[in-house]
C-alpha cells in the first residue's frame, strides 16, 4: 500500500507541476504554443499516464482513469509530433481537475 500511496503522491506532484506551468501563461493556448511549455506539459502527462498504469492492480484502480491516461501516454511517447493540442487543452481544462480531486480523496482516505 505504501508504494501505491507514493505513486499517487507522485501523480499529484506532476499535476501540480503542470498547473504551475499553465499559470505562467495567460491562456492554455499560450502554454501549448510555447515550445518549452508544450514539452513540459507532455512530459507531465506522460509521467502521469505511466504512473497510473502502475496502479492498475491497486485497490484504487476502479477510481482512476488508468486506461485513458495510459492511452494518452502511449500517443505522446509514440507520435510526439502528431499530438493534437486541442486534446491536450481539453485534458488540462476538464480532466486534470477531476483526476486531482480523485487522487486527493484517495490519499485523504488512506493516510
Protein backbone atom coordinates (compact mmCIF):
# COMPACT_ATOMS: atom_id res chain seq x y z
CA UNK A 1 0.00 0.00 0.00
CA UNK A 2 2.90 2.37 0.76
CA UNK A 3 4.19 2.06 -2.81
CA UNK A 4 0.72 2.88 -4.16
CA UNK A 5 0.45 5.91 -1.89
CA UNK A 6 3.85 7.18 -3.06
CA UNK A 7 2.73 6.74 -6.67
CA UNK A 8 -0.45 8.72 -6.01
CA UNK A 9 1.64 11.48 -4.40
CA UNK A 10 3.90 11.49 -7.47
CA UNK A 11 0.85 11.84 -9.75
CA UNK A 12 -0.37 14.75 -7.63
CA UNK A 13 3.08 16.34 -7.87
CA UNK A 14 3.04 16.06 -11.68
CA UNK A 15 -0.47 17.55 -11.84
CA UNK A 16 0.67 20.44 -9.66
CA UNK A 17 3.78 20.91 -11.84
CA UNK A 18 1.61 21.08 -14.93
CA UNK A 19 -0.74 23.58 -13.30
CA UNK A 20 2.26 25.73 -12.32
CA UNK A 21 3.43 25.71 -15.94
CA UNK A 22 -0.06 26.74 -17.02
CA UNK A 23 -0.11 29.62 -14.55
CA UNK A 24 2.98 31.14 -16.18
CA UNK A 25 0.88 31.92 -19.25
CA UNK A 26 -2.31 33.91 -19.76
CA UNK A 27 -4.04 31.02 -21.52
CA UNK A 28 -3.63 27.30 -22.06
CA UNK A 29 -3.18 28.05 -25.77
CA UNK A 30 -0.14 30.21 -24.98
CA UNK A 31 1.29 27.41 -22.83
CA UNK A 32 0.88 24.88 -25.64
CA UNK A 33 2.29 27.24 -28.27
CA UNK A 34 5.42 27.78 -26.21
CA UNK A 35 7.98 25.08 -27.11
CA UNK A 36 9.25 24.62 -23.56
CA UNK A 37 5.75 24.83 -22.07
CA UNK A 38 4.43 22.27 -24.56
CA UNK A 39 7.31 19.86 -23.94
CA UNK A 40 6.98 20.20 -20.15
CA UNK A 41 3.22 19.64 -20.36
CA UNK A 42 3.58 16.50 -22.43
CA UNK A 43 6.29 15.13 -20.13
CA UNK A 44 3.99 15.57 -17.11
CA UNK A 45 1.10 13.87 -18.92
CA UNK A 46 3.39 11.04 -20.00
CA UNK A 47 4.57 10.53 -16.41
CA UNK A 48 1.02 10.68 -15.05
CA UNK A 49 -0.13 8.04 -17.55
CA UNK A 50 2.85 5.80 -16.87
CA UNK A 51 2.39 6.01 -13.11
CA UNK A 52 -1.36 5.46 -13.27
CA UNK A 53 -0.72 2.32 -15.30
CA UNK A 54 1.45 1.01 -12.45
CA UNK A 55 -1.65 1.29 -10.23
CA UNK A 56 -3.84 -0.93 -12.43
CA UNK A 57 -3.78 -3.74 -9.84
CA UNK A 58 -4.13 -1.48 -6.82
CA UNK A 59 -7.20 -1.24 -4.58
CA UNK A 60 -7.83 2.22 -6.10
CA UNK A 61 -7.81 1.19 -9.76
CA UNK A 62 -11.58 1.39 -10.15
CA UNK A 63 -11.49 5.07 -9.12
CA UNK A 64 -8.71 6.10 -11.51
CA UNK A 65 -8.77 6.75 -15.29
CA UNK A 66 -5.96 4.29 -15.92
CA UNK A 67 -6.71 3.13 -19.45
CA UNK A 68 -7.43 6.57 -20.89
CA UNK A 69 -4.37 8.09 -19.22
CA UNK A 70 -2.13 5.30 -20.45
CA UNK A 71 -3.54 5.71 -23.97
CA UNK A 72 -2.56 9.40 -23.83
CA UNK A 73 0.88 8.39 -22.55
CA UNK A 74 1.33 5.97 -25.45
CA UNK A 75 0.21 8.52 -28.01
CA UNK A 76 2.66 11.10 -26.65
CA UNK A 77 5.50 8.59 -26.50
CA UNK A 78 4.95 7.08 -29.94
CA UNK A 79 3.65 10.01 -32.00
CA UNK A 80 5.09 13.07 -30.29
CA UNK A 81 4.92 15.22 -33.41
CA UNK A 82 1.31 14.22 -34.05
CA UNK A 83 -0.05 15.31 -30.67
CA UNK A 84 -3.25 17.30 -31.08
CA UNK A 85 -3.06 20.44 -28.95
CA UNK A 86 -6.85 20.65 -28.69
CA UNK A 87 -6.92 17.24 -27.00
CA UNK A 88 -4.17 18.29 -24.59
CA UNK A 89 -6.05 21.51 -23.83
CA UNK A 90 -9.19 19.50 -23.06
CA UNK A 91 -7.22 17.22 -20.75
CA UNK A 92 -5.79 20.20 -18.86
CA UNK A 93 -9.10 22.05 -18.69
CA UNK A 94 -11.52 19.23 -17.94
CA UNK A 95 -9.80 16.02 -16.93
CA UNK A 96 -6.87 17.08 -14.74
CA UNK A 97 -9.02 18.86 -12.12
CA UNK A 98 -11.13 15.72 -11.75
CA UNK A 99 -8.05 13.48 -11.52
CA UNK A 100 -6.50 15.79 -8.93
CA UNK A 101 -9.67 15.66 -6.81
CA UNK A 102 -9.83 11.86 -7.08
CA UNK A 103 -6.18 11.45 -6.06
CA UNK A 104 -6.58 13.83 -3.12
CA UNK A 105 -9.71 11.97 -1.99
CA UNK A 106 -7.90 8.61 -2.14
CA UNK A 107 -4.90 10.00 -0.25
CA UNK A 108 -7.13 11.57 2.41
CA UNK A 109 -8.95 8.28 2.97
CA UNK A 110 -5.72 6.27 3.16
CA UNK A 111 -3.45 8.44 5.26
